[in-house]
Amino acid sequence: MEIIRPLKFGTLSLPDSESRIVCRSILLEILGDATIAVENGNLAGVTGLFWRYVSLSLATLYFPRTSLRLTANGVTDAGIVIVRAMDGPLFVHHRRRKVEVSRSDVIFLPADAPSEILLPEGGRFDCAHLPSYALASMLEVLSPLMMRPLAADCLPLQLLTNYAGYLLRQEYQSEEDAGMMVAHFYDLLPVLAQHVGKASPSDSPRNRLASIKTHIERELANGSFSITDVAEAEGITPRAIQKFFKREGTTFSRYVLGRRLSLAKGFILAEGPPMPISQIAYNVGFNDLSYFNRTFRRRYGVRPTDLRRLATTNTG
């Protein structure tokens, strides 16, 4: 029967160069190819634990107690990374978002995108990688957990981290025992998501849709923004956003198009010096003037230039 043991490293006080090699090889499994910038330039003396199973990788790194920055490229697997700092706050810059996480609190990150993690006080850093195939049936359920700090005193989270700590600190487990513990770990994830969802009224469908629409309004002038950008900002999946709009009998794309056309109509009918139609189209996020004219006429039954002429005639 196969025995699974955690890797313990650094007991002999590794020099800077060897510490960097060990840290990089471990973080490669969890965060992807990573570099570590240390305030004093010296990473000597790092110790830690690493545990790997077919569907879960865990690591605890004890960095020097000085400011350091991890820059990681992400892994090819579209799973989830869980991180926390135990001796100070944690700052995560992931895609376009920046999040501050208090000491010992936890944050869930998409695993397949670059991220920058700042530990101003260094010290203990915990991380885990959950591969996508192990999460296939629950990715949407876990969307409330993504890119938001989770308080350490949350009971389901405490149970989850206790399981991870057990796996890291046991001298060895049989493959059967390890598989059982990992199964319990994954069973706790929907419980945690449900707890977080109930604890946060802002995650109700009505409030979440209002938040999505507010984000859309801010980005209407950006012709390249997409449902993926909104999903990242909201910490949910594009599919979840589509479900919100489906309840209203529309889609994300139709809603955005409608808001842009409505905004353009308002500009055309506005009093004061007329703005060129091409400029109006650009200002509300259309990069193609022909497409703007075509969709405007389809919606309002009149071309933008004709609407302006009619409005001018009626007020003249």
Protein backbone atom coordinates (compact mmCIF):
# COMPACT_ATOMS: atom_id res chain seq x y z
CA MET A 1 0.00 0.00 0.00
CA GLU A 2 1.37 3.40 -0.98
CA ILE A 3 2.37 5.72 1.86
CA ILE A 4 2.00 9.48 1.46
CA ARG A 5 4.36 11.67 3.48
CA PRO A 6 4.67 15.46 3.72
CA LEU A 7 7.95 16.95 2.54
CA LYS A 8 9.76 18.83 5.32
CA PHE A 9 12.48 21.20 4.21
CA GLY A 10 14.84 23.82 5.55
CA THR A 11 15.77 22.08 8.81
CA LEU A 12 19.45 22.66 7.99
CA SER A 13 19.01 26.42 7.40
CA LEU A 14 19.30 26.60 3.63
CA PRO A 15 21.27 29.49 2.11
CA ASP A 16 19.50 32.07 -0.06
CA SER A 17 20.07 30.34 -3.41
CA GLU A 18 18.84 26.93 -2.21
CA SER A 19 15.87 28.46 -0.38
CA ARG A 20 14.77 30.11 -3.62
CA ILE A 21 15.06 26.86 -5.56
CA VAL A 22 12.99 24.94 -3.00
CA CYS A 23 10.34 27.65 -2.72
CA ARG A 24 10.06 27.99 -6.48
CA SER A 25 9.68 24.24 -7.00
CA ILE A 26 6.91 24.04 -4.39
CA LEU A 27 5.06 27.16 -5.53
CA LEU A 28 5.23 25.88 -9.11
CA GLU A 29 2.73 23.18 -8.11
CA ILE A 30 0.32 25.70 -6.59
CA LEU A 31 0.77 29.19 -8.05
CA GLY A 32 2.72 28.44 -11.20
CA ASP A 33 6.18 29.77 -12.02
CA ALA A 34 6.89 32.27 -9.23
CA THR A 35 9.60 34.73 -8.25
CA ILE A 36 10.14 36.07 -4.74
CA ALA A 37 11.44 39.58 -4.09
CA VAL A 38 12.63 40.13 -0.52
CA GLU A 39 13.16 43.57 1.02
CA ASN A 40 16.68 42.79 2.20
CA GLY A 41 17.38 40.54 -0.80
CA ASN A 42 18.05 37.44 1.32
CA LEU A 43 15.68 34.46 1.50
CA ALA A 44 18.00 32.24 3.55
CA GLY A 45 16.53 30.10 6.30
CA VAL A 46 13.13 29.36 4.79
CA THR A 47 11.50 26.26 6.27
CA GLY A 48 8.21 24.59 5.52
CA LEU A 49 6.02 21.64 4.65
CA PHE A 50 4.64 20.41 1.34
CA TRP A 51 1.99 17.72 0.86
CA ARG A 52 0.72 16.47 -2.47
CA TYR A 53 -2.11 14.14 -3.40
CA VAL A 54 -3.61 13.51 -6.82
CA SER A 55 -6.44 16.02 -6.20
CA LEU A 56 -4.93 18.43 -3.65
CA SER A 57 -1.61 20.20 -3.04
CA LEU A 58 -0.84 21.96 0.26
CA ALA A 59 2.12 24.02 1.45
CA THR A 60 3.20 26.04 4.47
CA LEU A 61 6.26 28.27 4.00
CA TYR A 62 7.97 30.08 6.88
CA PHE A 63 9.55 33.10 5.23
CA PRO A 64 11.90 35.59 6.95
CA ARG A 65 10.01 38.23 8.97
CA THR A 66 10.54 40.95 6.40
CA SER A 67 8.52 42.39 3.52
CA LEU A 68 8.40 40.16 0.46
CA ARG A 69 6.48 39.94 -2.79
CA LEU A 70 5.47 36.80 -4.71
CA THR A 71 4.84 37.21 -8.43
CA ALA A 72 3.30 34.11 -10.01
CA ASN A 73 2.23 33.28 -13.56
CA GLY A 74 -0.64 30.96 -12.63
CA VAL A 75 -0.99 27.29 -13.53
CA THR A 76 -2.50 25.80 -16.68
CA ASP A 77 -5.27 24.11 -14.69
CA ALA A 78 -8.34 26.32 -14.20
CA GLY A 79 -8.85 25.34 -10.57
CA ILE A 80 -8.70 27.32 -7.34
CA VAL A 81 -5.83 28.53 -5.17
CA ILE A 82 -6.38 29.25 -1.46
CA VAL A 83 -3.88 31.49 0.38
CA ARG A 84 -3.46 33.12 3.78
CA ALA A 85 -0.73 34.86 5.81
CA MET A 86 -0.46 34.01 9.50
CA ASP A 87 1.92 36.74 10.76
CA GLY A 88 0.51 39.85 9.13
CA PRO A 89 -1.81 41.09 6.39
CA LEU A 90 -1.81 39.87 2.82
CA PHE A 91 -2.32 42.02 -0.29
CA VAL A 92 -3.39 40.31 -3.51
CA HIS A 93 -3.24 41.94 -6.94
CA HIS A 94 -5.05 39.57 -9.29
CA ARG A 95 -5.82 40.72 -12.83
CA ARG A 96 -7.50 44.11 -12.31
CA ARG A 97 -8.40 43.66 -8.68
CA LYS A 98 -6.53 44.50 -5.49
CA VAL A 99 -7.68 42.92 -2.25
CA GLU A 100 -6.40 43.31 1.31
CA VAL A 101 -6.69 40.24 3.53
CA SER A 102 -6.21 40.50 7.30
CA ARG A 103 -3.85 38.25 9.25
CA SER A 104 -5.02 34.59 9.27
CA ASP A 105 -8.01 35.33 7.00
CA VAL A 106 -8.26 33.42 3.72
CA ILE A 107 -8.84 34.28 0.07
CA PHE A 108 -9.78 32.00 -2.85
CA LEU A 109 -8.17 32.87 -6.22
CA PRO A 110 -8.59 31.53 -9.76
CA ALA A 111 -5.52 29.35 -10.34
CA ASP A 112 -4.97 29.97 -14.03
CA ALA A 113 -4.12 33.69 -14.08
CA PRO A 114 -1.08 35.72 -12.96
CA SER A 115 -1.18 37.14 -9.45
CA GLU A 116 0.98 39.26 -7.20
CA ILE A 117 0.98 38.63 -3.45
CA LEU A 118 2.55 41.04 -0.97
CA LEU A 119 3.38 40.00 2.60
CA PRO A 120 4.52 43.24 4.29
CA GLU A 121 5.65 41.37 7.41
CA GLY A 122 6.72 38.09 5.85
CA GLY A 123 6.40 35.09 8.11
CA ARG A 124 4.16 32.07 7.64
CA PHE A 125 2.38 31.71 4.31
CA ASP A 126 -0.16 28.92 3.67
CA CYS A 127 -1.39 27.96 0.22
CA ALA A 128 -3.29 25.18 -1.51
CA HIS A 129 -4.18 24.21 -5.08
CA LEU A 130 -7.49 22.53 -5.89
CA PRO A 131 -7.48 21.24 -9.51
CA SER A 132 -10.46 21.94 -11.74
CA TYR A 133 -11.41 18.29 -12.30
CA ALA A 134 -11.88 17.84 -8.55
CA LEU A 135 -14.17 20.90 -8.50
CA ALA A 136 -16.11 20.23 -11.71
CA SER A 137 -19.45 19.65 -9.98
CA MET A 138 -19.20 22.63 -7.63
CA LEU A 139 -17.49 25.52 -9.44
CA GLU A 140 -20.68 27.56 -9.65
CA VAL A 141 -21.55 26.77 -6.03
CA LEU A 142 -18.16 28.12 -4.97
CA SER A 143 -18.49 31.44 -6.82
CA PRO A 144 -19.42 33.37 -3.59
CA LEU A 145 -15.99 32.47 -2.20
CA MET A 146 -13.87 33.86 -5.01
CA MET A 147 -11.69 36.96 -4.60
CA ARG A 148 -13.10 38.02 -1.24
CA PRO A 149 -11.49 37.85 2.22
CA LEU A 150 -12.99 35.12 4.42
CA ALA A 151 -12.77 35.63 8.17
CA ALA A 152 -10.67 33.11 10.08
CA ASP A 153 -13.36 32.71 12.75
CA CYS A 154 -15.85 31.30 10.21
CA LEU A 155 -16.55 27.80 11.53
CA PRO A 156 -16.65 25.93 8.18
CA LEU A 157 -13.40 27.65 7.23
CA GLN A 158 -11.82 26.57 10.52
CA LEU A 159 -12.78 22.96 9.78
CA LEU A 160 -11.34 23.25 6.27
CA THR A 161 -8.00 24.63 7.48
CA ASN A 162 -7.86 22.05 10.27
CA TYR A 163 -8.08 19.26 7.69
CA ALA A 164 -5.30 20.89 5.68
CA GLY A 165 -3.16 21.26 8.80
CA TYR A 166 -3.70 17.60 9.71
CA LEU A 167 -2.58 16.44 6.27
CA LEU A 168 0.55 18.60 6.41
CA ARG A 169 1.59 17.60 9.91
CA GLN A 170 0.94 13.87 9.98
CA GLU A 171 4.16 11.92 9.56
CA TYR A 172 2.47 9.74 6.95
CA GLN A 173 -0.90 8.46 5.74
CA SER A 174 -1.90 5.46 3.72
CA GLU A 175 -3.34 6.32 0.32
CA GLU A 176 -6.75 5.18 1.55
CA ASP A 177 -6.63 7.46 4.62
CA ALA A 178 -5.35 10.39 2.58
CA GLY A 179 -8.15 9.92 0.04
CA MET A 180 -10.73 9.89 2.82
CA MET A 181 -9.37 13.10 4.37
CA VAL A 182 -9.26 14.85 0.99
CA ALA A 183 -12.86 13.79 0.33
CA HIS A 184 -13.90 15.37 3.66
CA PHE A 185 -11.95 18.51 2.71
CA TYR A 186 -13.92 18.84 -0.54
CA ASP A 187 -17.22 18.07 1.21
CA LEU A 188 -16.69 21.16 3.37
CA LEU A 189 -16.38 23.55 0.41
CA PRO A 190 -20.13 23.78 -0.41
CA VAL A 191 -20.84 24.15 3.32
CA LEU A 192 -18.44 27.10 3.45
CA ALA A 193 -19.97 28.65 0.31
CA GLN A 194 -23.47 28.32 1.75
CA HIS A 195 -22.36 29.87 5.03
CA VAL A 196 -20.71 32.81 3.28
CA GLY A 197 -23.73 33.33 1.03
CA LYS A 198 -26.12 33.43 4.01
CA ALA A 199 -23.84 35.76 5.94
CA SER A 200 -23.69 38.33 3.15
CA PRO A 201 -26.98 39.96 2.05
CA SER A 202 -25.14 41.60 -0.84
CA ASP A 203 -24.95 38.17 -2.45
CA SER A 204 -28.74 37.88 -2.84
CA PRO A 205 -29.73 37.68 -6.54
CA ARG A 206 -31.39 41.11 -6.50
CA ASN A 207 -28.45 42.89 -4.84
CA ARG A 208 -25.88 41.03 -6.91
CA LEU A 209 -27.67 41.91 -10.17
CA ALA A 210 -27.83 45.56 -9.06
CA SER A 211 -24.08 45.45 -8.43
CA ILE A 212 -23.49 43.91 -11.88
CA LYS A 213 -25.61 46.59 -13.56
CA THR A 214 -23.73 49.33 -11.69
CA HIS A 215 -20.45 47.92 -12.98
CA ILE A 216 -21.86 47.82 -16.52
CA GLU A 217 -22.87 51.49 -16.31
CA ARG A 218 -19.32 52.43 -15.37
CA GLU A 219 -17.93 50.54 -18.35
CA LEU A 220 -20.41 51.40 -21.12
CA ALA A 221 -17.94 53.74 -22.84
CA ASN A 222 -15.36 50.94 -22.97
CA GLY A 223 -16.04 49.15 -26.23
CA SER A 224 -13.81 46.21 -25.34
CA PHE A 225 -15.18 45.29 -21.91
CA SER A 226 -16.85 41.89 -21.69
CA ILE A 227 -18.81 39.60 -19.42
CA THR A 228 -15.48 38.12 -18.30
CA ASP A 229 -14.37 41.52 -16.99
CA VAL A 230 -17.60 41.90 -15.01
CA ALA A 231 -17.32 38.35 -13.66
CA GLU A 232 -13.77 39.02 -12.44
CA ALA A 233 -14.82 42.27 -10.77
CA GLU A 234 -17.77 40.57 -9.07
CA GLY A 235 -15.88 37.42 -8.13
CA ILE A 236 -18.36 35.11 -9.89
CA THR A 237 -18.48 33.15 -13.14
CA PRO A 238 -19.77 34.44 -16.50
CA ARG A 239 -22.33 31.66 -16.42
CA ALA A 240 -23.69 32.95 -13.11
CA ILE A 241 -24.08 36.43 -14.62
CA GLN A 242 -26.00 35.00 -17.57
CA LYS A 243 -28.36 33.27 -15.15
CA PHE A 244 -29.10 36.57 -13.41
CA PHE A 245 -30.09 38.16 -16.72
CA LYS A 246 -32.02 35.08 -17.84
CA ARG A 247 -34.32 35.59 -14.85
CA GLU A 248 -35.14 39.00 -16.34
CA GLY A 249 -35.84 37.54 -19.77
CA THR A 250 -32.70 38.84 -21.45
CA THR A 251 -28.98 38.19 -21.80
CA PHE A 252 -25.88 40.09 -20.76
CA SER A 253 -25.15 41.15 -24.36
CA ARG A 254 -28.70 42.32 -25.07
CA TYR A 255 -28.80 44.28 -21.83
CA VAL A 256 -25.50 46.06 -22.55
CA LEU A 257 -26.56 46.81 -26.12
CA GLY A 258 -29.87 48.24 -24.90
CA ARG A 259 -28.18 50.46 -22.36
CA ARG A 260 -25.72 51.78 -24.95
CA LEU A 261 -28.47 52.55 -27.45
CA SER A 262 -30.58 54.24 -24.79
CA LEU A 263 -27.63 56.36 -23.72
CA ALA A 264 -26.90 57.28 -27.34
CA LYS A 265 -30.52 58.31 -27.87
CA GLY A 266 -30.28 60.59 -24.84
CA PHE A 267 -27.18 62.27 -26.28
CA ILE A 268 -28.88 62.76 -29.67
CA LEU A 269 -31.94 64.39 -28.10
CA ALA A 270 -29.98 66.49 -25.61
CA GLU A 271 -30.22 70.25 -25.85
CA GLY A 272 -27.17 72.36 -26.65
CA PRO A 273 -24.53 72.15 -29.36
CA PRO A 274 -24.99 68.86 -31.24
CA MET A 275 -22.30 66.23 -30.84
CA PRO A 276 -21.30 64.37 -34.03
CA ILE A 277 -23.10 61.03 -34.33
CA SER A 278 -19.79 59.23 -34.73
CA GLN A 279 -18.56 60.74 -31.44
CA ILE A 280 -21.76 59.72 -29.66
CA ALA A 281 -21.36 56.16 -30.93
CA TYR A 282 -17.77 56.06 -29.68
CA ASN A 283 -18.69 57.59 -26.31
CA VAL A 284 -21.21 54.84 -25.57
CA GLY A 285 -18.89 51.98 -26.51
CA PHE A 286 -19.49 51.34 -30.23
CA ASN A 287 -16.30 50.85 -32.22
CA ASP A 288 -18.14 50.35 -35.51
CA LEU A 289 -20.30 53.26 -36.75
CA SER A 290 -22.15 51.10 -39.30
CA TYR A 291 -23.10 48.60 -36.61
CA PHE A 292 -24.27 51.44 -34.37
CA ASN A 293 -26.48 52.93 -37.09
CA ARG A 294 -27.92 49.53 -37.97
CA THR A 295 -28.77 48.48 -34.40
CA PHE A 296 -30.09 51.95 -33.53
CA ARG A 297 -32.51 51.88 -36.47
CA ARG A 298 -33.59 48.33 -35.65
CA ARG A 299 -34.41 49.36 -32.08
CA TYR A 300 -36.01 52.77 -32.62
CA GLY A 301 -37.21 52.52 -36.22
CA VAL A 302 -35.22 55.56 -37.30
CA ARG A 303 -31.60 56.34 -38.10
CA PRO A 304 -29.65 58.44 -35.57
CA THR A 305 -29.25 61.35 -38.04
CA ASP A 306 -32.98 61.32 -38.84
CA LEU A 307 -33.89 61.32 -35.16
CA ARG A 308 -31.70 64.36 -34.60
CA ARG A 309 -33.25 66.14 -37.58
CA LEU A 310 -36.79 65.37 -36.37
CA ALA A 311 -35.94 66.56 -32.85
CA THR A 312 -34.43 69.78 -34.18
CA THR A 313 -37.49 70.40 -36.40
CA ASN A 314 -39.91 69.87 -33.51
CA THR A 315 -38.06 72.29 -31.24
CA GLY A 316 -37.41 74.88 -33.92
